[in-house]
Amino acid sequence: MANEMMQRNDMFADPFFDNIGRHFFDDVFAPQQVRGLKTDIEDNGDSYVAHIDVPGMTKDDIHLSYQDNVLTVQATKNSNADHTDKDGNLLMQERSYGAMSRSYRLPDVDAKGIKASYTDGVLNVTLPKVDKDNQQDHEINID
């Protein structure tokens, strides 16, 4: 009966309150889920500056590209924790894998002038603007 009440579909259903419990319990019982790369993007007139949270990664785990007016950030993390005792006996071994990706439409960017740095879990990308006639696709290296 309780499941039927939670799944009701009538004209008095309120999407906010119907989904609030789902969001609360998702955060409590599955906190390891990543809901995207948290990002702040500023338009400084002559450039865009993006600050993207990528905690727990190294710069080698992150790949950036700019193509067709879209900045794409991909982050992949593989880890392997090997727990052996003093005699070399394997007691426990854990492996994990995670991948995140996000794209941002940022038009009129000078692809060759894009700069990226990674410090304290935050990826900072500066994308200078250019005239539409001078646009090109470009891979971006992280300093």
Protein backbone atom coordinates (compact mmCIF):
# COMPACT_ATOMS: atom_id res chain seq x y z
CA MET A 1 0.00 0.00 0.00
CA ALA A 2 2.81 2.43 0.85
CA ASN A 3 4.47 1.81 -2.51
CA GLU A 4 1.18 2.46 -4.28
CA MET A 5 0.80 5.76 -2.43
CA MET A 6 4.33 6.83 -3.42
CA GLN A 7 3.71 5.95 -7.08
CA ARG A 8 0.32 7.63 -7.45
CA ASN A 9 -0.17 9.67 -10.57
CA ASP A 10 -3.07 12.06 -10.24
CA MET A 11 -3.87 15.67 -11.03
CA PHE A 12 -3.09 16.76 -7.45
CA ALA A 13 0.48 15.46 -7.56
CA ASP A 14 3.09 18.07 -6.67
CA PRO A 15 6.39 17.41 -8.49
CA PHE A 16 8.40 19.34 -5.89
CA PHE A 17 7.18 17.37 -2.88
CA ASP A 18 7.00 14.08 -4.80
CA ASN A 19 10.70 14.38 -5.70
CA ILE A 20 12.03 15.92 -2.49
CA GLY A 21 12.16 12.59 -0.68
CA ARG A 22 13.88 10.96 -3.61
CA HIS A 23 16.59 13.67 -3.63
CA PHE A 24 17.04 13.47 0.14
CA PHE A 25 17.42 9.69 0.20
CA ASP A 26 19.69 9.69 -2.87
CA ASP A 27 22.10 11.97 -0.99
CA VAL A 28 21.92 9.94 2.23
CA PHE A 29 22.19 6.42 0.80
CA ALA A 30 24.34 7.11 -2.28
CA PRO A 31 26.64 10.02 -1.39
CA GLN A 32 29.39 8.69 -3.67
CA GLN A 33 27.36 9.61 -6.74
CA VAL A 34 28.81 12.57 -8.59
CA ARG A 35 26.23 14.95 -9.92
CA GLY A 36 28.57 16.63 -12.38
CA LEU A 37 31.61 18.83 -12.33
CA LYS A 38 30.79 21.89 -10.24
CA THR A 39 31.67 24.92 -12.32
CA ASP A 40 31.82 28.72 -12.19
CA ILE A 41 32.28 30.58 -15.49
CA GLU A 42 32.95 34.30 -15.67
CA ASP A 43 32.68 36.47 -18.78
CA ASN A 44 35.34 39.15 -18.37
CA GLY A 45 34.54 40.85 -21.66
CA ASP A 46 37.77 39.87 -23.40
CA SER A 47 37.85 36.29 -22.06
CA TYR A 48 35.94 33.56 -20.28
CA VAL A 49 37.38 32.13 -17.06
CA ALA A 50 36.15 28.72 -15.90
CA HIS A 51 36.78 27.30 -12.42
CA ILE A 52 35.91 23.60 -12.36
CA ASP A 53 36.05 21.45 -9.21
CA VAL A 54 37.84 18.16 -9.93
CA PRO A 55 38.88 16.95 -6.46
CA GLY A 56 41.07 13.91 -6.00
CA MET A 57 42.42 14.00 -9.54
CA THR A 58 45.85 14.73 -10.95
CA LYS A 59 46.32 16.85 -14.04
CA ASP A 60 47.11 13.63 -15.95
CA ASP A 61 43.59 12.37 -15.12
CA ILE A 62 42.00 15.37 -16.87
CA HIS A 63 41.60 15.92 -20.61
CA LEU A 64 40.45 19.23 -22.12
CA SER A 65 39.47 20.03 -25.66
CA TYR A 66 37.85 22.94 -27.48
CA GLN A 67 35.99 22.13 -30.68
CA ASP A 68 33.02 23.71 -32.47
CA ASN A 69 32.67 26.43 -29.79
CA VAL A 70 32.45 23.80 -27.02
CA LEU A 71 34.93 23.31 -24.16
CA THR A 72 34.85 19.66 -23.03
CA VAL A 73 36.32 18.48 -19.74
CA GLN A 74 36.80 14.76 -19.16
CA ALA A 75 38.19 13.33 -15.92
CA THR A 76 38.95 9.65 -15.36
CA LYS A 77 40.28 8.10 -12.16
CA ASN A 78 41.51 4.54 -11.65
CA SER A 79 42.75 3.43 -8.26
CA ASN A 80 43.99 0.16 -6.87
CA ALA A 81 44.62 -0.24 -3.12
CA ASP A 82 46.70 -3.28 -2.23
CA HIS A 83 46.77 -4.20 1.47
CA THR A 84 49.38 -6.82 2.29
CA ASP A 85 50.73 -7.86 5.66
CA LYS A 86 54.43 -7.88 6.68
CA ASP A 87 54.91 -11.34 5.09
CA GLY A 88 53.54 -10.21 1.74
CA ASN A 89 50.20 -12.01 2.12
CA LEU A 90 47.37 -10.23 0.38
CA LEU A 91 44.74 -9.35 2.97
CA MET A 92 42.51 -7.13 0.86
CA GLN A 93 42.60 -5.46 -2.53
CA GLU A 94 40.24 -2.72 -3.66
CA ARG A 95 39.77 -1.25 -7.12
CA SER A 96 37.68 1.65 -8.24
CA TYR A 97 37.02 3.51 -11.47
CA GLY A 98 35.23 6.74 -12.12
CA ALA A 99 34.71 9.02 -15.08
CA MET A 100 33.11 12.45 -15.39
CA SER A 101 32.56 14.64 -18.41
CA ARG A 102 30.99 18.00 -19.01
CA SER A 103 30.76 20.37 -21.95
CA TYR A 104 30.32 24.15 -22.04
CA ARG A 105 29.30 26.19 -25.08
CA LEU A 106 31.65 29.18 -25.14
CA PRO A 107 31.58 30.92 -28.53
CA ASP A 108 34.16 33.19 -30.14
CA VAL A 109 37.25 31.81 -28.37
CA ASP A 110 40.86 32.03 -29.59
CA ALA A 111 41.60 28.28 -29.32
CA LYS A 112 45.37 28.72 -29.52
CA GLY A 113 45.34 31.19 -26.62
CA ILE A 114 43.51 28.91 -24.13
CA LYS A 115 45.44 28.39 -20.89
CA ALA A 116 44.66 25.84 -18.17
CA SER A 117 46.10 25.17 -14.72
CA TYR A 118 45.20 22.75 -11.94
CA THR A 119 45.72 23.68 -8.28
CA ASP A 120 44.24 22.21 -5.09
CA GLY A 121 41.49 20.26 -6.87
CA VAL A 122 40.33 23.18 -9.02
CA LEU A 123 40.87 23.34 -12.78
CA ASN A 124 41.18 26.94 -13.98
CA VAL A 125 40.72 27.56 -17.71
CA THR A 126 41.12 30.96 -19.37
CA LEU A 127 39.62 31.21 -22.84
CA PRO A 128 40.45 34.51 -24.60
CA LYS A 129 37.83 35.75 -27.02
CA VAL A 130 38.51 36.38 -30.71
CA ASP A 131 36.68 37.51 -33.82
CA LYS A 132 34.52 34.81 -35.44
CA ASP A 133 36.71 34.87 -38.57
CA ASN A 134 39.78 33.60 -36.66
CA GLN A 135 38.27 30.57 -34.87
CA GLN A 136 40.04 27.17 -34.91
CA ASP A 137 39.72 23.88 -32.98
CA HIS A 138 42.55 23.11 -30.57
CA GLU A 139 43.69 20.63 -27.90
CA ILE A 140 44.57 22.21 -24.54
CA ASN A 141 47.51 21.27 -22.29
CA ILE A 142 47.23 21.66 -18.51
CA ASP A 143 50.13 23.45 -16.78
